[in-house]
């Protein structure tokens, strides 16, 4: 007990949890994004001639490719702060053979930002849900159900939106 102060067991636990979670997430994102880059690198131009050509030529991939061609490594770093664009950006950076000295700093910086955002926000959400379930179980169940319904609605909307142009094209061809 330095200077006569008692140590509170609660001190530092939030920072320790965030640091541990961010560290684990950082390792995960380095492996996942680096692996996606490696798959893109190995696939190279052959992916555009394979059975995956339709998926790679989707609007999301084309938008990511145009961004990487124009801005390079900063697009890869910023892609970690987006949802759905990150995988496309890393895969295309690999398939476009972005040099490792340009890709790795983007991976390290973007991955660190991703890990910190998800560690802090993720732990915050888990803390709120934990308290909600402990103090108001019915409200907690309702909140999780509403969240799941919202996610399902967004997924259904996206699928319907992407299916409509294909149906319109098929109707025009007939």
N, C-alpha and C. Protein backbone atom coordinates (compact mmCIF):
# COMPACT_ATOMS: atom_id res chain seq x y z
N UNK A 1 0.85 -1.17 0.00
CA UNK A 1 0.00 0.00 0.00
C UNK A 1 0.89 1.24 0.00
N UNK A 2 1.16 1.77 -1.14
CA UNK A 2 2.00 2.95 -1.28
C UNK A 2 1.26 4.17 -0.78
N UNK A 3 1.93 4.99 -0.01
CA UNK A 3 1.41 6.25 0.49
C UNK A 3 0.11 6.08 1.28
N UNK A 4 -0.11 4.93 1.89
CA UNK A 4 -1.25 4.74 2.76
C UNK A 4 -2.58 4.60 2.03
N UNK A 5 -2.56 4.47 0.70
CA UNK A 5 -3.82 4.32 -0.03
C UNK A 5 -4.13 2.84 -0.22
N UNK A 6 -5.36 2.48 0.04
CA UNK A 6 -5.78 1.11 -0.18
C UNK A 6 -6.10 0.92 -1.66
N UNK A 7 -5.74 -0.23 -2.15
CA UNK A 7 -6.01 -0.50 -3.57
C UNK A 7 -7.40 -1.09 -3.71
N UNK A 8 -8.18 -0.47 -4.56
CA UNK A 8 -9.53 -0.94 -4.83
C UNK A 8 -9.44 -2.04 -5.87
N UNK A 9 -10.01 -3.22 -5.60
CA UNK A 9 -9.91 -4.30 -6.58
C UNK A 9 -10.59 -3.97 -7.91
N UNK A 10 -11.47 -2.99 -7.93
CA UNK A 10 -12.15 -2.59 -9.15
C UNK A 10 -11.27 -1.72 -10.04
N UNK A 11 -10.24 -1.08 -9.49
CA UNK A 11 -9.37 -0.19 -10.27
C UNK A 11 -8.66 -0.97 -11.38
N UNK A 12 -8.74 -0.42 -12.58
CA UNK A 12 -7.99 -0.99 -13.68
C UNK A 12 -8.64 -2.17 -14.35
N UNK A 13 -9.71 -2.71 -13.82
CA UNK A 13 -10.28 -3.90 -14.44
C UNK A 13 -10.88 -3.60 -15.81
N UNK A 14 -11.50 -2.44 -15.95
CA UNK A 14 -12.07 -2.09 -17.25
C UNK A 14 -10.96 -1.91 -18.27
N UNK A 15 -9.90 -1.22 -17.90
CA UNK A 15 -8.77 -1.02 -18.80
C UNK A 15 -8.12 -2.36 -19.13
N UNK A 16 -7.99 -3.23 -18.13
CA UNK A 16 -7.41 -4.55 -18.38
C UNK A 16 -8.27 -5.37 -19.33
N UNK A 17 -9.60 -5.32 -19.14
CA UNK A 17 -10.50 -6.05 -20.02
C UNK A 17 -10.40 -5.54 -21.46
N UNK A 18 -10.38 -4.21 -21.59
CA UNK A 18 -10.29 -3.62 -22.94
C UNK A 18 -8.96 -3.99 -23.58
N UNK A 19 -7.87 -3.91 -22.82
CA UNK A 19 -6.55 -4.23 -23.37
C UNK A 19 -6.48 -5.70 -23.79
N UNK A 20 -6.99 -6.59 -22.96
CA UNK A 20 -6.96 -8.01 -23.28
C UNK A 20 -7.84 -8.31 -24.50
N UNK A 21 -9.03 -7.74 -24.52
CA UNK A 21 -9.94 -7.96 -25.64
C UNK A 21 -9.37 -7.36 -26.92
N UNK A 22 -8.84 -6.14 -26.85
CA UNK A 22 -8.26 -5.50 -28.03
C UNK A 22 -7.07 -6.30 -28.54
N UNK A 23 -6.25 -6.81 -27.65
CA UNK A 23 -5.11 -7.63 -28.06
C UNK A 23 -5.54 -8.90 -28.78
N UNK A 24 -6.56 -9.57 -28.23
CA UNK A 24 -7.06 -10.79 -28.86
C UNK A 24 -7.69 -10.47 -30.23
N UNK A 25 -8.47 -9.40 -30.28
CA UNK A 25 -9.09 -9.01 -31.55
C UNK A 25 -8.04 -8.59 -32.58
N UNK A 26 -6.97 -7.97 -32.12
CA UNK A 26 -5.90 -7.55 -33.03
C UNK A 26 -5.25 -8.77 -33.69
N UNK A 27 -4.98 -9.79 -32.89
CA UNK A 27 -4.40 -11.02 -33.45
C UNK A 27 -5.38 -11.64 -34.45
N UNK A 28 -6.66 -11.67 -34.08
CA UNK A 28 -7.67 -12.25 -34.97
C UNK A 28 -7.74 -11.49 -36.29
N UNK A 29 -7.78 -10.17 -36.22
CA UNK A 29 -7.91 -9.39 -37.47
C UNK A 29 -6.65 -9.48 -38.31
N UNK A 30 -5.49 -9.54 -37.69
CA UNK A 30 -4.26 -9.70 -38.47
C UNK A 30 -4.28 -11.03 -39.23
N UNK A 31 -4.72 -12.08 -38.56
CA UNK A 31 -4.78 -13.39 -39.21
C UNK A 31 -5.86 -13.44 -40.29
N UNK A 32 -7.04 -12.88 -39.97
CA UNK A 32 -8.15 -12.95 -40.92
C UNK A 32 -7.89 -12.07 -42.14
N UNK A 33 -7.55 -10.81 -41.92
CA UNK A 33 -7.32 -9.89 -43.04
C UNK A 33 -6.06 -10.29 -43.81
N UNK A 34 -5.02 -10.66 -43.09
CA UNK A 34 -3.79 -11.12 -43.77
C UNK A 34 -4.04 -12.37 -44.59
N UNK A 35 -4.86 -13.27 -44.05
CA UNK A 35 -5.22 -14.47 -44.80
C UNK A 35 -6.04 -14.15 -46.04
N UNK A 36 -6.96 -13.20 -45.90
CA UNK A 36 -7.76 -12.78 -47.05
C UNK A 36 -6.87 -12.17 -48.13
N UNK A 37 -5.89 -11.35 -47.71
CA UNK A 37 -4.93 -10.77 -48.64
C UNK A 37 -4.14 -11.88 -49.34
N UNK A 38 -3.69 -12.88 -48.56
CA UNK A 38 -2.90 -13.97 -49.11
C UNK A 38 -3.71 -14.78 -50.12
N UNK A 39 -4.98 -15.03 -49.81
CA UNK A 39 -5.83 -15.76 -50.75
C UNK A 39 -5.99 -14.95 -52.03
N UNK A 40 -6.19 -13.64 -51.89
CA UNK A 40 -6.28 -12.77 -53.06
C UNK A 40 -4.99 -12.79 -53.86
N UNK A 41 -3.87 -12.76 -53.17
CA UNK A 41 -2.56 -12.77 -53.84
C UNK A 41 -2.39 -14.07 -54.63
N UNK A 42 -2.75 -15.19 -54.01
CA UNK A 42 -2.59 -16.48 -54.68
C UNK A 42 -3.58 -16.64 -55.83
N UNK A 43 -4.77 -16.12 -55.64
CA UNK A 43 -5.79 -16.24 -56.68
C UNK A 43 -5.45 -15.38 -57.87
N UNK A 44 -4.98 -14.16 -57.58
CA UNK A 44 -4.59 -13.25 -58.64
C UNK A 44 -5.65 -13.08 -59.70
N UNK A 45 -5.25 -12.96 -60.91
CA UNK A 45 -6.18 -12.76 -62.01
C UNK A 45 -6.99 -14.01 -62.30
N UNK A 46 -6.50 -15.17 -61.87
CA UNK A 46 -7.23 -16.42 -62.12
C UNK A 46 -8.61 -16.42 -61.49
N UNK A 47 -8.79 -15.68 -60.40
CA UNK A 47 -10.09 -15.64 -59.74
C UNK A 47 -11.14 -15.03 -60.66
N UNK A 48 -10.75 -14.13 -61.52
CA UNK A 48 -11.70 -13.48 -62.42
C UNK A 48 -12.17 -14.43 -63.52
N UNK A 49 -11.44 -15.52 -63.72
CA UNK A 49 -11.84 -16.50 -64.73
C UNK A 49 -12.44 -17.75 -64.10
N UNK A 50 -12.57 -17.77 -62.80
CA UNK A 50 -13.05 -18.96 -62.11
C UNK A 50 -14.55 -18.87 -61.85
N UNK A 51 -15.05 -19.83 -61.08
CA UNK A 51 -16.47 -19.83 -60.73
C UNK A 51 -16.81 -18.71 -59.76
N UNK A 52 -15.80 -18.06 -59.20
CA UNK A 52 -16.02 -16.94 -58.29
C UNK A 52 -16.11 -15.60 -59.02
N UNK A 53 -16.00 -15.64 -60.33
CA UNK A 53 -15.98 -14.40 -61.11
C UNK A 53 -17.22 -13.55 -60.87
N UNK A 54 -18.37 -14.18 -60.75
CA UNK A 54 -19.60 -13.42 -60.51
C UNK A 54 -19.57 -12.70 -59.18
N UNK A 55 -19.05 -13.36 -58.18
CA UNK A 55 -18.97 -12.74 -56.85
C UNK A 55 -17.96 -11.61 -56.83
N UNK A 56 -16.84 -11.81 -57.49
CA UNK A 56 -15.79 -10.80 -57.51
C UNK A 56 -16.22 -9.58 -58.33
N UNK A 57 -17.10 -9.78 -59.29
CA UNK A 57 -17.53 -8.64 -60.10
C UNK A 57 -18.78 -7.97 -59.52
N UNK A 58 -19.13 -8.29 -58.28
CA UNK A 58 -20.27 -7.62 -57.65
C UNK A 58 -19.93 -6.15 -57.42
N UNK A 59 -20.95 -5.35 -57.20
CA UNK A 59 -20.75 -3.90 -57.03
C UNK A 59 -19.81 -3.61 -55.86
N UNK A 60 -19.92 -4.38 -54.78
CA UNK A 60 -19.06 -4.15 -53.61
C UNK A 60 -17.59 -4.35 -53.97
N UNK A 61 -17.29 -5.42 -54.70
CA UNK A 61 -15.92 -5.68 -55.09
C UNK A 61 -15.42 -4.65 -56.09
N UNK A 62 -16.27 -4.29 -57.04
CA UNK A 62 -15.84 -3.29 -58.03
C UNK A 62 -15.57 -1.94 -57.38
N UNK A 63 -16.41 -1.55 -56.41
CA UNK A 63 -16.19 -0.30 -55.69
C UNK A 63 -14.88 -0.35 -54.90
N UNK A 64 -14.63 -1.49 -54.26
CA UNK A 64 -13.38 -1.64 -53.51
C UNK A 64 -12.18 -1.58 -54.44
N UNK A 65 -12.28 -2.23 -55.59
CA UNK A 65 -11.16 -2.23 -56.54
C UNK A 65 -10.86 -0.82 -57.05
N UNK A 66 -11.91 -0.09 -57.41
CA UNK A 66 -11.70 1.29 -57.88
C UNK A 66 -11.06 2.14 -56.80
N UNK A 67 -11.49 1.98 -55.57
CA UNK A 67 -10.92 2.76 -54.46
C UNK A 67 -9.46 2.42 -54.24
N UNK A 68 -9.14 1.13 -54.27
CA UNK A 68 -7.74 0.72 -54.06
C UNK A 68 -6.86 1.22 -55.20
N UNK A 69 -7.36 1.13 -56.44
CA UNK A 69 -6.57 1.62 -57.58
C UNK A 69 -6.30 3.11 -57.46
N UNK A 70 -7.28 3.85 -56.93
CA UNK A 70 -7.12 5.30 -56.85
C UNK A 70 -6.29 5.72 -55.65
N UNK A 71 -6.58 5.15 -54.47
CA UNK A 71 -5.98 5.65 -53.23
C UNK A 71 -4.95 4.71 -52.61
N UNK A 72 -4.96 3.44 -52.94
CA UNK A 72 -3.96 2.50 -52.44
C UNK A 72 -4.14 2.09 -51.00
N UNK A 73 -3.03 2.02 -50.28
CA UNK A 73 -3.00 1.49 -48.91
C UNK A 73 -3.93 2.22 -47.94
N UNK A 74 -4.11 3.54 -48.02
CA UNK A 74 -5.04 4.18 -47.08
C UNK A 74 -6.47 3.61 -47.16
N UNK A 75 -6.88 3.17 -48.34
CA UNK A 75 -8.21 2.56 -48.47
C UNK A 75 -8.26 1.27 -47.65
N UNK A 76 -7.20 0.49 -47.71
CA UNK A 76 -7.15 -0.75 -46.93
C UNK A 76 -7.23 -0.43 -45.45
N UNK A 77 -6.49 0.57 -44.98
CA UNK A 77 -6.52 0.92 -43.56
C UNK A 77 -7.90 1.39 -43.13
N UNK A 78 -8.53 2.25 -43.92
CA UNK A 78 -9.85 2.78 -43.57
C UNK A 78 -10.92 1.70 -43.70
N UNK A 79 -10.71 0.72 -44.56
CA UNK A 79 -11.71 -0.33 -44.76
C UNK A 79 -12.01 -1.08 -43.46
N UNK A 80 -11.08 -1.08 -42.53
CA UNK A 80 -11.30 -1.77 -41.25
C UNK A 80 -12.38 -1.09 -40.41
N UNK A 81 -12.70 0.13 -40.73
CA UNK A 81 -13.73 0.85 -39.99
C UNK A 81 -15.09 0.75 -40.68
N UNK A 82 -15.20 -0.10 -41.68
CA UNK A 82 -16.46 -0.28 -42.40
C UNK A 82 -16.96 -1.70 -42.17
N UNK A 83 -18.20 -1.91 -42.53
CA UNK A 83 -18.78 -3.25 -42.44
C UNK A 83 -19.04 -3.72 -43.87
N UNK A 84 -18.49 -4.86 -44.21
CA UNK A 84 -18.74 -5.43 -45.52
C UNK A 84 -17.73 -5.04 -46.59
N UNK A 85 -17.02 -3.98 -46.42
CA UNK A 85 -16.06 -3.49 -47.40
C UNK A 85 -14.66 -4.03 -47.11
N UNK A 86 -14.44 -4.37 -45.85
CA UNK A 86 -13.12 -4.78 -45.36
C UNK A 86 -12.60 -6.02 -46.08
N UNK A 87 -13.40 -7.06 -46.18
CA UNK A 87 -12.95 -8.30 -46.81
C UNK A 87 -12.66 -8.07 -48.29
N UNK A 88 -13.54 -7.34 -48.95
CA UNK A 88 -13.32 -7.04 -50.37
C UNK A 88 -12.03 -6.27 -50.56
N UNK A 89 -11.77 -5.28 -49.73
CA UNK A 89 -10.57 -4.46 -49.87
C UNK A 89 -9.31 -5.30 -49.68
N UNK A 90 -9.30 -6.17 -48.68
CA UNK A 90 -8.10 -6.99 -48.43
C UNK A 90 -7.90 -8.02 -49.54
N UNK A 91 -8.97 -8.66 -49.98
CA UNK A 91 -8.86 -9.63 -51.07
C UNK A 91 -8.36 -8.97 -52.34
N UNK A 92 -8.95 -7.84 -52.67
CA UNK A 92 -8.56 -7.16 -53.92
C UNK A 92 -7.16 -6.58 -53.83
N UNK A 93 -6.75 -6.12 -52.65
CA UNK A 93 -5.37 -5.65 -52.50
C UNK A 93 -4.41 -6.79 -52.80
N UNK A 94 -4.76 -8.00 -52.36
CA UNK A 94 -3.94 -9.16 -52.67
C UNK A 94 -3.99 -9.53 -54.13
N UNK A 95 -5.19 -9.56 -54.71
CA UNK A 95 -5.30 -9.97 -56.11
C UNK A 95 -4.67 -8.95 -57.06
N UNK A 96 -4.60 -7.69 -56.60
CA UNK A 96 -3.96 -6.65 -57.41
C UNK A 96 -2.46 -6.59 -57.15
N UNK A 97 -1.98 -7.53 -56.30
CA UNK A 97 -0.56 -7.64 -55.96
C UNK A 97 0.00 -6.37 -55.33
N UNK A 98 -0.75 -5.79 -54.38
CA UNK A 98 -0.22 -4.62 -53.67
C UNK A 98 1.06 -5.06 -52.96
N UNK A 99 2.14 -4.32 -53.10
CA UNK A 99 3.40 -4.71 -52.46
C UNK A 99 3.27 -4.76 -50.93
N UNK A 100 3.90 -5.76 -50.32
CA UNK A 100 3.83 -5.92 -48.87
C UNK A 100 4.30 -4.68 -48.09
N UNK A 101 5.35 -3.96 -48.54
CA UNK A 101 5.74 -2.77 -47.79
C UNK A 101 4.65 -1.69 -47.74
N UNK A 102 3.71 -1.74 -48.68
CA UNK A 102 2.58 -0.80 -48.65
C UNK A 102 1.40 -1.40 -47.91
N UNK A 103 1.19 -2.71 -48.05
CA UNK A 103 0.02 -3.35 -47.45
C UNK A 103 0.16 -3.52 -45.94
N UNK A 104 1.30 -3.98 -45.48
CA UNK A 104 1.45 -4.31 -44.05
C UNK A 104 1.21 -3.12 -43.12
N UNK A 105 1.74 -1.91 -43.41
CA UNK A 105 1.40 -0.79 -42.51
C UNK A 105 -0.11 -0.50 -42.48
N UNK A 106 -0.76 -0.63 -43.63
CA UNK A 106 -2.21 -0.42 -43.66
C UNK A 106 -2.91 -1.48 -42.82
N UNK A 107 -2.46 -2.71 -42.91
CA UNK A 107 -3.02 -3.80 -42.11
C UNK A 107 -2.82 -3.55 -40.62
N UNK A 108 -1.62 -3.16 -40.23
CA UNK A 108 -1.34 -2.95 -38.80
C UNK A 108 -2.13 -1.78 -38.23
N UNK A 109 -2.18 -0.67 -38.95
CA UNK A 109 -2.90 0.51 -38.47
C UNK A 109 -4.41 0.27 -38.48
N UNK A 110 -4.92 -0.20 -39.61
CA UNK A 110 -6.35 -0.46 -39.71
C UNK A 110 -6.81 -1.54 -38.75
N UNK A 111 -6.02 -2.58 -38.60
CA UNK A 111 -6.35 -3.66 -37.66
C UNK A 111 -6.38 -3.17 -36.22
N UNK A 112 -5.45 -2.30 -35.87
CA UNK A 112 -5.43 -1.75 -34.50
C UNK A 112 -6.67 -0.90 -34.25
N UNK A 113 -7.05 -0.09 -35.23
CA UNK A 113 -8.25 0.73 -35.09
C UNK A 113 -9.48 -0.16 -34.94
N UNK A 114 -9.58 -1.18 -35.77
CA UNK A 114 -10.71 -2.11 -35.71
C UNK A 114 -10.78 -2.79 -34.34
N UNK A 115 -9.64 -3.27 -33.86
CA UNK A 115 -9.62 -3.97 -32.57
C UNK A 115 -10.03 -3.05 -31.43
N UNK A 116 -9.55 -1.81 -31.44
CA UNK A 116 -9.93 -0.87 -30.36
C UNK A 116 -11.41 -0.51 -30.40
N UNK A 117 -11.93 -0.27 -31.60
CA UNK A 117 -13.35 0.07 -31.71
C UNK A 117 -14.21 -1.09 -31.23
N UNK A 118 -13.92 -2.28 -31.71
CA UNK A 118 -14.75 -3.42 -31.33
C UNK A 118 -14.54 -3.81 -29.87
N UNK A 119 -13.35 -3.64 -29.34
CA UNK A 119 -13.13 -3.97 -27.93
C UNK A 119 -13.89 -3.03 -27.02
N UNK A 120 -13.81 -1.72 -27.28
CA UNK A 120 -14.49 -0.77 -26.41
C UNK A 120 -16.00 -0.82 -26.59
N UNK A 121 -16.46 -0.76 -27.83
CA UNK A 121 -17.91 -0.78 -28.09
C UNK A 121 -18.48 -2.15 -27.73
N UNK A 122 -17.79 -3.20 -28.09
CA UNK A 122 -18.27 -4.55 -27.79
C UNK A 122 -18.41 -4.81 -26.31
N UNK A 123 -17.38 -4.44 -25.55
CA UNK A 123 -17.46 -4.63 -24.10
C UNK A 123 -18.53 -3.75 -23.49
N UNK A 124 -18.70 -2.54 -24.03
CA UNK A 124 -19.75 -1.65 -23.53
C UNK A 124 -21.13 -2.24 -23.74
N UNK A 125 -21.36 -2.79 -24.92
CA UNK A 125 -22.66 -3.41 -25.22
C UNK A 125 -22.88 -4.63 -24.32
N UNK A 126 -21.85 -5.45 -24.16
CA UNK A 126 -21.99 -6.62 -23.29
C UNK A 126 -22.26 -6.22 -21.84
N UNK A 127 -21.61 -5.16 -21.38
CA UNK A 127 -21.84 -4.67 -20.02
C UNK A 127 -23.28 -4.20 -19.85
N UNK A 128 -23.78 -3.43 -20.80
CA UNK A 128 -25.16 -2.94 -20.73
C UNK A 128 -26.14 -4.11 -20.77
N UNK A 129 -25.92 -5.06 -21.69
CA UNK A 129 -26.82 -6.20 -21.78
C UNK A 129 -26.76 -7.05 -20.50
N UNK A 130 -25.58 -7.22 -19.95
CA UNK A 130 -25.44 -7.98 -18.70
C UNK A 130 -26.23 -7.35 -17.56
N UNK A 131 -26.10 -6.03 -17.42
CA UNK A 131 -26.86 -5.33 -16.38
C UNK A 131 -28.35 -5.39 -16.65
N UNK A 132 -28.72 -5.24 -17.92
CA UNK A 132 -30.13 -5.28 -18.29
C UNK A 132 -30.74 -6.64 -17.97
N UNK A 133 -30.03 -7.72 -18.29
CA UNK A 133 -30.54 -9.05 -17.98
C UNK A 133 -30.58 -9.30 -16.48
N UNK A 134 -29.60 -8.81 -15.76
CA UNK A 134 -29.56 -9.03 -14.31
C UNK A 134 -30.66 -8.26 -13.58
N UNK A 135 -30.91 -7.04 -14.02
CA UNK A 135 -31.87 -6.19 -13.30
C UNK A 135 -33.27 -6.24 -13.89
N UNK A 136 -33.39 -6.38 -15.20
CA UNK A 136 -34.70 -6.38 -15.88
C UNK A 136 -34.66 -7.43 -16.98
N UNK A 137 -34.84 -8.69 -16.61
CA UNK A 137 -34.69 -9.80 -17.55
C UNK A 137 -35.62 -9.67 -18.75
N UNK A 138 -36.87 -9.35 -18.52
CA UNK A 138 -37.82 -9.24 -19.63
C UNK A 138 -37.40 -8.15 -20.61
N UNK A 139 -36.92 -7.03 -20.09
CA UNK A 139 -36.45 -5.95 -20.95
C UNK A 139 -35.21 -6.37 -21.73
N UNK A 140 -34.33 -7.12 -21.10
CA UNK A 140 -33.13 -7.62 -21.77
C UNK A 140 -33.47 -8.56 -22.91
N UNK A 141 -34.40 -9.48 -22.65
CA UNK A 141 -34.82 -10.41 -23.70
C UNK A 141 -35.47 -9.64 -24.84
N UNK A 142 -36.29 -8.64 -24.51
CA UNK A 142 -36.94 -7.82 -25.53
C UNK A 142 -35.91 -7.06 -26.36
N UNK A 143 -34.87 -6.53 -25.72
CA UNK A 143 -33.83 -5.79 -26.44
C UNK A 143 -33.08 -6.69 -27.41
N UNK A 144 -32.74 -7.90 -26.97
CA UNK A 144 -32.03 -8.84 -27.85
C UNK A 144 -32.94 -9.27 -29.00
N UNK A 145 -34.22 -9.52 -28.71
CA UNK A 145 -35.16 -9.91 -29.76
C UNK A 145 -35.31 -8.78 -30.79
N UNK A 146 -35.40 -7.54 -30.32
CA UNK A 146 -35.51 -6.40 -31.24
C UNK A 146 -34.25 -6.27 -32.09
N UNK A 147 -33.10 -6.48 -31.48
CA UNK A 147 -31.83 -6.41 -32.23
C UNK A 147 -31.77 -7.50 -33.30
N UNK A 148 -32.16 -8.72 -32.94
CA UNK A 148 -32.16 -9.81 -33.92
C UNK A 148 -33.16 -9.55 -35.05
N UNK A 149 -34.33 -9.03 -34.72
CA UNK A 149 -35.30 -8.69 -35.76
C UNK A 149 -34.77 -7.61 -36.70
N UNK A 150 -34.09 -6.62 -36.15
CA UNK A 150 -33.52 -5.55 -36.97
C UNK A 150 -32.45 -6.11 -37.91
N UNK A 151 -31.60 -6.99 -37.40
CA UNK A 151 -30.56 -7.60 -38.24
C UNK A 151 -31.20 -8.43 -39.35
N UNK A 152 -32.22 -9.22 -39.02
CA UNK A 152 -32.92 -10.02 -40.03
C UNK A 152 -33.59 -9.14 -41.07
N UNK A 153 -34.18 -8.04 -40.65
CA UNK A 153 -34.84 -7.13 -41.59
C UNK A 153 -33.82 -6.50 -42.55
N UNK A 154 -32.68 -6.10 -42.03
CA UNK A 154 -31.64 -5.51 -42.89
C UNK A 154 -31.14 -6.55 -43.89
N UNK A 155 -30.92 -7.78 -43.43
CA UNK A 155 -30.46 -8.84 -44.33
C UNK A 155 -31.49 -9.14 -45.41
N UNK A 156 -32.76 -9.20 -45.04
CA UNK A 156 -33.82 -9.46 -46.01
C UNK A 156 -33.92 -8.32 -47.02
N UNK A 157 -33.80 -7.09 -46.54
CA UNK A 157 -33.85 -5.93 -47.43
C UNK A 157 -32.69 -5.97 -48.43
N UNK A 158 -31.50 -6.29 -47.95
CA UNK A 158 -30.34 -6.34 -48.85
C UNK A 158 -30.49 -7.45 -49.88
N UNK A 159 -30.98 -8.61 -49.46
CA UNK A 159 -31.16 -9.71 -50.41
C UNK A 159 -32.20 -9.36 -51.45
N UNK A 160 -33.28 -8.76 -51.00
CA UNK A 160 -34.35 -8.38 -51.94
C UNK A 160 -33.84 -7.32 -52.92
N UNK A 161 -33.07 -6.37 -52.41
CA UNK A 161 -32.55 -5.30 -53.26
C UNK A 161 -31.60 -5.85 -54.32
N UNK A 162 -30.77 -6.83 -53.97
CA UNK A 162 -29.84 -7.40 -54.95
C UNK A 162 -30.55 -8.38 -55.88
N UNK A 163 -31.64 -8.99 -55.43
CA UNK A 163 -32.37 -9.93 -56.28
C UNK A 163 -33.23 -9.21 -57.30
N UNK A 164 -33.71 -8.02 -57.00
CA UNK A 164 -34.58 -7.29 -57.91
C UNK A 164 -33.91 -6.95 -59.25
N UNK A 165 -32.68 -6.43 -59.28
CA UNK A 165 -32.06 -6.14 -60.58
C UNK A 165 -31.88 -7.40 -61.42
N UNK A 166 -31.57 -8.51 -60.79
CA UNK A 166 -31.41 -9.75 -61.52
C UNK A 166 -32.74 -10.21 -62.10
N UNK A 167 -33.82 -10.04 -61.35
CA UNK A 167 -35.15 -10.41 -61.84
C UNK A 167 -35.57 -9.47 -62.98
N UNK A 168 -35.25 -8.19 -62.86
CA UNK A 168 -35.57 -7.23 -63.93
C UNK A 168 -34.83 -7.57 -65.21
N UNK A 169 -33.58 -7.94 -65.08
CA UNK A 169 -32.76 -8.30 -66.24
C UNK A 169 -33.33 -9.55 -66.91
N UNK A 170 -33.73 -10.53 -66.11
CA UNK A 170 -34.27 -11.77 -66.66
C UNK A 170 -35.61 -11.48 -67.37
N UNK A 171 -36.41 -10.59 -66.80
CA UNK A 171 -37.69 -10.25 -67.42
C UNK A 171 -37.49 -9.50 -68.73
N UNK A 172 -36.47 -8.65 -68.79
CA UNK A 172 -36.19 -7.91 -70.02
C UNK A 172 -35.69 -8.82 -71.12
N UNK A 173 -34.91 -9.86 -70.76
CA UNK A 173 -34.37 -10.78 -71.74
C UNK A 173 -35.44 -11.69 -72.31
N UNK A 174 -36.49 -11.94 -71.54
CA UNK A 174 -37.55 -12.88 -71.98
C UNK A 174 -38.46 -12.30 -73.03
